[in-house]
Amino acid sequence: MPPAHSVGILKVGDTITVAERDYMYGTGTLWMRVTSVEPVQVVDGEREHWQTVHGLALRRDGSQLSDRPRYALVRLAAVRRGVQP
């Protein structure tokens, strides 16, 4: 189970903002609307909880960037809910 200070386990429909250092793999801040999730995991060498999420990339203003789905492995303690500049 994720630590109390994290946002908790992500779910379908969540809109999230994740800094570049807190997800694998990509560049820049990630804004995403979650369409499916995988089980929470502890990544080798880390003591933090991560979760693979699938979804649609968003622009900073919350509008959809592309119809092409993407995925990312995100550090749960660093995820912010909502689209935040």
Protein backbone atom coordinates (compact mmCIF):
# COMPACT_ATOMS: atom_id res chain seq x y z
CA MET A 1 0.00 0.00 0.00
CA PRO A 2 1.35 3.49 -0.81
CA PRO A 3 2.49 5.73 2.04
CA ALA A 4 -0.03 8.11 3.59
CA HIS A 5 1.54 11.23 2.05
CA SER A 6 1.02 10.00 -1.52
CA VAL A 7 -2.12 10.54 -3.58
CA GLY A 8 -2.93 6.85 -3.20
CA ILE A 9 -3.58 4.33 -5.90
CA LEU A 10 -4.61 5.92 -9.18
CA LYS A 11 -7.85 4.98 -10.88
CA VAL A 12 -9.49 5.24 -14.29
CA GLY A 13 -10.74 8.76 -14.94
CA ASP A 14 -8.09 10.52 -12.82
CA THR A 15 -6.33 13.45 -14.44
CA ILE A 16 -2.74 13.68 -13.23
CA THR A 17 0.33 15.91 -13.41
CA VAL A 18 3.77 14.34 -12.98
CA ALA A 19 7.19 16.04 -13.08
CA GLU A 20 9.75 14.56 -15.49
CA ARG A 21 11.90 13.09 -12.69
CA ASP A 22 8.91 11.19 -11.30
CA TYR A 23 7.92 9.05 -14.27
CA MET A 24 9.48 6.66 -16.74
CA TYR A 25 9.92 7.34 -19.64
CA GLY A 26 9.59 10.69 -21.34
CA THR A 27 10.69 14.30 -21.22
CA GLY A 28 9.03 17.27 -19.61
CA THR A 29 6.03 17.42 -17.31
CA LEU A 30 3.40 14.75 -18.01
CA TRP A 31 -0.28 15.67 -18.00
CA MET A 32 -2.55 12.64 -18.51
CA ARG A 33 -6.11 11.38 -18.25
CA VAL A 34 -5.92 7.81 -16.93
CA THR A 35 -7.75 5.13 -18.95
CA SER A 36 -6.35 2.00 -17.25
CA VAL A 37 -3.98 1.11 -14.43
CA GLU A 38 -1.75 -1.77 -13.42
CA PRO A 39 -0.98 -2.99 -9.89
CA VAL A 40 1.20 -0.85 -7.62
CA GLN A 41 4.82 -2.02 -7.46
CA VAL A 42 8.12 -1.27 -5.77
CA VAL A 43 10.81 -0.62 -8.39
CA ASP A 44 14.19 -2.35 -7.82
CA GLY A 45 16.44 -0.26 -5.62
CA GLU A 46 13.64 2.14 -4.65
CA ARG A 47 11.58 2.16 -1.48
CA GLU A 48 8.75 4.06 -3.08
CA HIS A 49 5.59 2.82 -4.73
CA TRP A 50 5.13 3.18 -8.47
CA GLN A 51 2.18 2.41 -10.71
CA THR A 52 1.96 1.94 -14.47
CA VAL A 53 -0.85 4.02 -15.92
CA HIS A 54 -2.25 4.10 -19.44
CA GLY A 55 -4.07 7.10 -20.78
CA LEU A 56 -4.25 10.08 -23.06
CA ALA A 57 -1.70 12.88 -22.97
CA LEU A 58 -3.09 16.32 -22.18
CA ARG A 59 -1.87 19.84 -22.73
CA ARG A 60 -1.15 22.09 -19.77
CA ASP A 61 -4.66 23.58 -20.07
CA GLY A 62 -6.29 20.13 -19.81
CA SER A 63 -7.23 19.76 -23.48
CA GLN A 64 -6.37 16.45 -25.13
CA LEU A 65 -3.01 16.47 -26.93
CA SER A 66 -3.46 13.33 -29.02
CA ASP A 67 -5.79 10.39 -29.62
CA ARG A 68 -2.80 8.09 -29.41
CA PRO A 69 -2.67 6.25 -26.06
CA ARG A 70 0.49 6.34 -23.99
CA TYR A 71 1.68 4.82 -20.75
CA ALA A 72 4.04 5.79 -17.96
CA LEU A 73 5.39 4.29 -14.77
CA VAL A 74 4.77 7.02 -12.17
CA ARG A 75 6.10 7.52 -8.63
CA LEU A 76 2.87 7.66 -6.59
CA ALA A 77 4.27 9.95 -3.89
CA ALA A 78 4.95 12.63 -6.53
CA VAL A 79 1.71 12.53 -8.54
CA ARG A 80 -0.60 15.53 -8.32
CA ARG A 81 -4.26 15.08 -9.21
CA GLY A 82 -5.67 17.46 -11.77
CA VAL A 83 -3.95 19.40 -14.51
CA GLN A 84 -1.73 21.98 -12.89
CA PRO A 85 0.67 24.29 -14.73
